[in-house]
């Protein structure tokens, strides 16, 4: 539940035209953010990130247990 209570993780990305971003946001990006903000290690194989190619709100999933999946909000913004 800890992941759901923190609100959205903010993910900075280099901005392109309009809402476009350079590169996509990957599971590894989310793992790095969780590590820096919560000091918790997450196995990359348990993280599912949707395809993200522009700024906005997204929902990623982290499998905490075979029966438990935490939904994590990501706010992607251009820096």
N, C-alpha and C. Protein backbone atom coordinates (compact mmCIF):
# COMPACT_ATOMS: atom_id res chain seq x y z
N UNK A 1 0.82 -1.21 0.00
CA UNK A 1 0.00 0.00 0.00
C UNK A 1 0.86 1.26 0.00
N UNK A 2 2.10 1.12 0.40
CA UNK A 2 2.95 2.32 0.49
C UNK A 2 3.02 3.06 -0.84
N UNK A 3 3.01 2.34 -1.95
CA UNK A 3 3.14 2.98 -3.25
C UNK A 3 1.90 3.79 -3.60
N UNK A 4 0.73 3.35 -3.15
CA UNK A 4 -0.51 4.03 -3.50
C UNK A 4 -0.74 5.26 -2.64
N UNK A 5 -0.11 5.34 -1.50
CA UNK A 5 -0.38 6.44 -0.58
C UNK A 5 0.47 7.67 -0.88
N UNK A 6 1.50 7.53 -1.71
CA UNK A 6 2.38 8.68 -1.93
C UNK A 6 1.93 9.60 -3.04
N UNK A 7 0.82 9.27 -3.69
CA UNK A 7 0.39 10.12 -4.80
C UNK A 7 1.18 9.77 -6.04
N UNK A 8 1.45 10.77 -6.85
CA UNK A 8 2.11 10.50 -8.13
C UNK A 8 3.61 10.74 -8.05
N UNK A 9 4.36 9.89 -8.73
CA UNK A 9 5.79 10.11 -8.88
C UNK A 9 5.96 11.09 -10.02
N UNK A 10 6.80 12.06 -9.85
CA UNK A 10 7.05 13.04 -10.91
C UNK A 10 8.24 12.57 -11.74
N UNK A 11 8.04 12.54 -13.05
CA UNK A 11 9.07 12.05 -13.96
C UNK A 11 9.45 13.16 -14.94
N UNK A 12 10.61 13.78 -14.75
CA UNK A 12 11.02 14.83 -15.68
C UNK A 12 11.57 14.23 -16.97
N UNK A 13 11.25 14.85 -18.09
CA UNK A 13 11.77 14.41 -19.38
C UNK A 13 12.09 15.63 -20.21
N UNK A 14 13.06 15.50 -21.07
CA UNK A 14 13.38 16.59 -21.99
C UNK A 14 12.20 16.72 -22.96
N UNK A 15 11.69 17.92 -23.08
CA UNK A 15 10.50 18.12 -23.91
C UNK A 15 10.81 18.29 -25.38
N UNK A 16 9.86 17.87 -26.20
CA UNK A 16 9.97 18.05 -27.64
C UNK A 16 8.89 19.03 -28.08
N UNK A 17 8.32 18.78 -29.25
CA UNK A 17 7.26 19.65 -29.77
C UNK A 17 5.95 19.35 -29.05
N UNK A 18 5.24 20.40 -28.66
CA UNK A 18 3.94 20.20 -28.01
C UNK A 18 4.08 19.39 -26.74
N UNK A 19 3.33 18.28 -26.66
CA UNK A 19 3.35 17.43 -25.47
C UNK A 19 4.36 16.29 -25.60
N UNK A 20 5.05 16.24 -26.73
CA UNK A 20 6.01 15.15 -26.96
C UNK A 20 7.20 15.23 -26.01
N UNK A 21 7.76 14.08 -25.69
CA UNK A 21 9.00 14.04 -24.90
C UNK A 21 10.05 13.28 -25.70
N UNK A 22 11.31 13.54 -25.39
CA UNK A 22 12.39 12.79 -26.02
C UNK A 22 12.56 11.50 -25.26
N UNK A 23 12.56 10.39 -25.97
CA UNK A 23 12.69 9.08 -25.33
C UNK A 23 11.39 8.71 -24.66
N UNK A 24 11.35 7.52 -24.09
CA UNK A 24 10.14 7.10 -23.39
C UNK A 24 10.48 6.91 -21.92
N UNK A 25 9.48 6.65 -21.12
CA UNK A 25 9.68 6.38 -19.69
C UNK A 25 9.66 4.86 -19.53
N UNK A 26 10.69 4.33 -18.91
CA UNK A 26 10.81 2.87 -18.80
C UNK A 26 10.62 2.40 -17.36
N UNK A 27 10.53 1.09 -17.21
CA UNK A 27 10.44 0.49 -15.88
C UNK A 27 11.65 0.90 -15.04
N UNK A 28 12.81 0.95 -15.68
CA UNK A 28 14.03 1.32 -14.94
C UNK A 28 13.95 2.75 -14.41
N UNK A 29 13.33 3.65 -15.19
CA UNK A 29 13.14 5.03 -14.71
C UNK A 29 12.32 5.02 -13.43
N UNK A 30 11.24 4.25 -13.42
CA UNK A 30 10.37 4.18 -12.25
C UNK A 30 11.11 3.58 -11.06
N UNK A 31 11.88 2.54 -11.31
CA UNK A 31 12.66 1.89 -10.24
C UNK A 31 13.64 2.90 -9.63
N UNK A 32 14.30 3.68 -10.48
CA UNK A 32 15.27 4.68 -9.98
C UNK A 32 14.57 5.73 -9.12
N UNK A 33 13.38 6.16 -9.54
CA UNK A 33 12.64 7.17 -8.79
C UNK A 33 12.19 6.61 -7.44
N UNK A 34 11.70 5.38 -7.44
CA UNK A 34 11.27 4.75 -6.18
C UNK A 34 12.47 4.62 -5.24
N UNK A 35 13.61 4.22 -5.79
CA UNK A 35 14.82 4.06 -4.98
C UNK A 35 15.23 5.41 -4.37
N UNK A 36 15.18 6.48 -5.16
CA UNK A 36 15.63 7.78 -4.64
C UNK A 36 14.63 8.39 -3.66
N UNK A 37 13.33 8.19 -3.91
CA UNK A 37 12.33 8.83 -3.05
C UNK A 37 11.94 7.99 -1.84
N UNK A 38 11.89 6.67 -2.01
CA UNK A 38 11.42 5.81 -0.92
C UNK A 38 12.51 4.92 -0.34
N UNK A 39 13.68 4.94 -0.98
CA UNK A 39 14.79 4.09 -0.55
C UNK A 39 14.37 2.61 -0.53
N UNK A 40 13.62 2.20 -1.55
CA UNK A 40 13.20 0.80 -1.65
C UNK A 40 13.63 0.25 -2.99
N UNK A 41 14.08 -1.00 -2.97
CA UNK A 41 14.46 -1.66 -4.21
C UNK A 41 13.26 -2.42 -4.76
N UNK A 42 13.07 -2.31 -6.06
CA UNK A 42 11.98 -3.02 -6.72
C UNK A 42 12.59 -3.81 -7.87
N UNK A 43 12.19 -5.06 -8.02
CA UNK A 43 12.67 -5.91 -9.10
C UNK A 43 12.04 -5.44 -10.41
N UNK A 44 12.89 -5.19 -11.39
CA UNK A 44 12.43 -4.67 -12.69
C UNK A 44 11.38 -5.58 -13.33
N UNK A 45 11.49 -6.88 -13.11
CA UNK A 45 10.53 -7.82 -13.73
C UNK A 45 9.13 -7.67 -13.18
N UNK A 46 9.00 -7.00 -12.05
CA UNK A 46 7.69 -6.85 -11.41
C UNK A 46 7.01 -5.53 -11.78
N UNK A 47 7.70 -4.71 -12.57
CA UNK A 47 7.18 -3.38 -12.90
C UNK A 47 6.65 -3.35 -14.32
N UNK A 48 5.43 -2.86 -14.48
CA UNK A 48 4.84 -2.70 -15.80
C UNK A 48 4.51 -1.24 -16.03
N UNK A 49 5.16 -0.65 -17.02
CA UNK A 49 4.94 0.76 -17.34
C UNK A 49 4.29 0.83 -18.72
N UNK A 50 3.21 1.61 -18.85
CA UNK A 50 2.59 1.74 -20.17
C UNK A 50 3.54 2.48 -21.12
N UNK A 51 3.25 2.44 -22.40
CA UNK A 51 4.07 3.19 -23.35
C UNK A 51 3.82 4.68 -23.12
N UNK A 52 4.88 5.40 -22.83
CA UNK A 52 4.75 6.83 -22.52
C UNK A 52 5.62 7.61 -23.49
N UNK A 53 4.97 8.45 -24.30
CA UNK A 53 5.71 9.23 -25.29
C UNK A 53 5.41 10.73 -25.20
N UNK A 54 4.55 11.12 -24.27
CA UNK A 54 4.27 12.54 -24.10
C UNK A 54 3.95 12.84 -22.64
N UNK A 55 3.95 14.15 -22.32
CA UNK A 55 3.68 14.55 -20.94
C UNK A 55 2.25 14.18 -20.57
N UNK A 56 2.01 13.97 -19.28
CA UNK A 56 0.67 13.64 -18.82
C UNK A 56 0.70 12.72 -17.63
N UNK A 57 -0.49 12.22 -17.27
CA UNK A 57 -0.63 11.30 -16.13
C UNK A 57 -0.76 9.88 -16.66
N UNK A 58 -0.08 8.96 -16.01
CA UNK A 58 -0.12 7.55 -16.41
C UNK A 58 -0.21 6.69 -15.16
N UNK A 59 -0.57 5.43 -15.36
CA UNK A 59 -0.60 4.50 -14.23
C UNK A 59 0.30 3.31 -14.57
N UNK A 60 1.27 3.06 -13.69
CA UNK A 60 2.15 1.91 -13.82
C UNK A 60 1.72 0.89 -12.77
N UNK A 61 2.13 -0.35 -12.95
CA UNK A 61 1.77 -1.39 -11.98
C UNK A 61 3.02 -2.07 -11.46
N UNK A 62 2.99 -2.37 -10.17
CA UNK A 62 4.08 -3.10 -9.54
C UNK A 62 3.48 -4.33 -8.88
N UNK A 63 3.95 -5.51 -9.30
CA UNK A 63 3.46 -6.75 -8.69
C UNK A 63 4.19 -6.97 -7.38
N UNK A 64 3.48 -6.82 -6.28
CA UNK A 64 4.09 -6.97 -4.97
C UNK A 64 4.05 -8.42 -4.52
N UNK A 65 3.14 -9.18 -5.11
CA UNK A 65 2.86 -10.54 -4.69
C UNK A 65 2.03 -11.12 -5.83
N UNK A 66 1.97 -12.44 -6.00
CA UNK A 66 1.16 -12.97 -7.11
C UNK A 66 -0.29 -12.45 -7.12
N UNK A 67 -0.84 -12.17 -5.96
CA UNK A 67 -2.23 -11.71 -5.89
C UNK A 67 -2.37 -10.22 -5.63
N UNK A 68 -1.25 -9.51 -5.46
CA UNK A 68 -1.32 -8.10 -5.10
C UNK A 68 -0.54 -7.25 -6.11
N UNK A 69 -1.25 -6.34 -6.75
CA UNK A 69 -0.61 -5.41 -7.68
C UNK A 69 -0.89 -3.99 -7.21
N UNK A 70 0.17 -3.21 -7.05
CA UNK A 70 0.01 -1.81 -6.65
C UNK A 70 -0.03 -0.97 -7.91
N UNK A 71 -0.97 -0.05 -7.94
CA UNK A 71 -1.03 0.90 -9.06
C UNK A 71 -0.31 2.17 -8.62
N UNK A 72 0.57 2.65 -9.47
CA UNK A 72 1.39 3.82 -9.15
C UNK A 72 1.13 4.89 -10.21
N UNK A 73 0.79 6.09 -9.76
CA UNK A 73 0.56 7.18 -10.71
C UNK A 73 1.89 7.85 -11.06
N UNK A 74 2.05 8.13 -12.35
CA UNK A 74 3.24 8.84 -12.83
C UNK A 74 2.80 10.14 -13.48
N UNK A 75 3.42 11.22 -13.10
CA UNK A 75 3.18 12.50 -13.75
C UNK A 75 4.43 12.82 -14.54
N UNK A 76 4.31 12.76 -15.86
CA UNK A 76 5.45 13.03 -16.74
C UNK A 76 5.37 14.48 -17.17
N UNK A 77 6.47 15.22 -17.00
CA UNK A 77 6.48 16.63 -17.38
C UNK A 77 7.77 16.98 -18.09
N UNK A 78 7.71 18.00 -18.91
CA UNK A 78 8.90 18.46 -19.64
C UNK A 78 9.71 19.39 -18.75
N UNK A 79 11.02 19.19 -18.74
CA UNK A 79 11.86 20.06 -17.91
C UNK A 79 12.58 21.07 -18.75
